Amino acid sequence: MKARVHVMLKNGVLDPQGEAVRHALGAMGFDGVQGVRQGKVIELDLAEGATEADVTQMCEKLLANTVIESYSVEVV
């Protein structure tokens, strides 16, 4: 099984990396960008028998800081 985990900062949490990207885009002439949120994607190759519930446990324990981040799991 392959899974892709998308991790993003929760709404209301400051995103300094996203702001840096937004400013850089403006400096390059892309003035229409009003906001940027940056996240990460984690791709997992899992052994046979692994489940989406296993991936959720991985996210809750290690892959995402659930205090400030949200995540979604995509089985591919």
Protein backbone atom coordinates (compact mmCIF):
# COMPACT_ATOMS: atom_id res chain seq x y z
CA MET A 1 0.00 0.00 0.00
CA LYS A 2 1.14 3.52 -0.72
CA ALA A 3 -0.11 6.53 1.19
CA ARG A 4 0.43 10.23 0.85
CA VAL A 5 0.06 12.42 3.94
CA HIS A 6 -0.57 16.15 3.46
CA VAL A 7 0.36 18.23 6.53
CA MET A 8 -0.58 21.92 6.84
CA LEU A 9 -0.52 24.47 9.62
CA LYS A 10 -3.97 25.00 11.08
CA ASN A 11 -5.84 28.22 10.31
CA GLY A 12 -4.82 30.96 12.72
CA VAL A 13 -1.27 29.63 13.14
CA LEU A 14 1.33 32.02 11.73
CA ASP A 15 3.17 30.68 8.68
CA PRO A 16 6.46 32.62 8.30
CA GLN A 17 7.64 30.40 5.43
CA GLY A 18 4.42 31.04 3.54
CA GLU A 19 4.82 34.80 4.12
CA ALA A 20 8.40 34.65 2.80
CA VAL A 21 7.15 32.93 -0.36
CA ARG A 22 4.38 35.51 -0.76
CA HIS A 23 6.87 38.39 -0.44
CA ALA A 24 9.27 36.74 -2.91
CA LEU A 25 6.48 36.25 -5.44
CA GLY A 26 5.56 39.94 -5.09
CA ALA A 27 9.19 40.92 -5.66
CA MET A 28 9.14 38.84 -8.85
CA GLY A 29 6.12 40.73 -10.15
CA PHE A 30 3.37 38.31 -9.12
CA ASP A 31 1.29 40.93 -7.34
CA GLY A 32 -2.00 38.98 -7.34
CA VAL A 33 -0.97 36.59 -4.56
CA GLN A 34 -2.65 37.64 -1.32
CA GLY A 35 -1.63 34.72 0.87
CA VAL A 36 0.48 31.57 0.89
CA ARG A 37 0.31 28.61 3.26
CA GLN A 38 3.20 26.16 3.09
CA GLY A 39 2.94 22.53 4.07
CA LYS A 40 4.62 19.20 3.52
CA VAL A 41 3.83 15.94 1.78
CA ILE A 42 5.04 12.61 3.17
CA GLU A 43 4.88 9.57 0.90
CA LEU A 44 4.84 6.16 2.56
CA ASP A 45 5.42 2.74 1.00
CA LEU A 46 3.83 0.33 3.45
CA ALA A 47 4.00 -3.43 3.82
CA GLU A 48 1.10 -5.60 2.76
CA GLY A 49 -1.62 -5.59 5.36
CA ALA A 50 -1.10 -1.98 6.44
CA THR A 51 -4.28 0.06 6.72
CA GLU A 52 -5.32 3.68 6.57
CA ALA A 53 -5.90 3.44 10.32
CA ASP A 54 -2.19 2.59 10.71
CA VAL A 55 -1.26 5.72 8.78
CA THR A 56 -3.60 7.79 10.95
CA GLN A 57 -1.84 6.49 14.07
CA MET A 58 1.53 7.40 12.51
CA CYS A 59 0.26 10.93 11.90
CA GLU A 60 -1.10 11.31 15.42
CA LYS A 61 2.13 10.06 17.03
CA LEU A 62 4.89 11.42 14.78
CA LEU A 63 4.18 12.79 11.32
CA ALA A 64 2.07 15.80 12.33
CA ASN A 65 2.08 18.07 15.36
CA THR A 66 -1.68 17.96 15.86
CA VAL A 67 -1.61 20.97 18.20
CA ILE A 68 -0.73 23.31 15.31
CA GLU A 69 -1.04 21.13 12.18
CA SER A 70 -3.83 19.34 10.39
CA TYR A 71 -3.31 16.42 8.04
CA SER A 72 -5.10 14.36 5.46
CA VAL A 73 -4.31 10.85 4.27
CA GLU A 74 -4.57 9.84 0.64
CA VAL A 75 -4.22 6.16 -0.27
CA VAL A 76 -2.61 5.90 -3.71
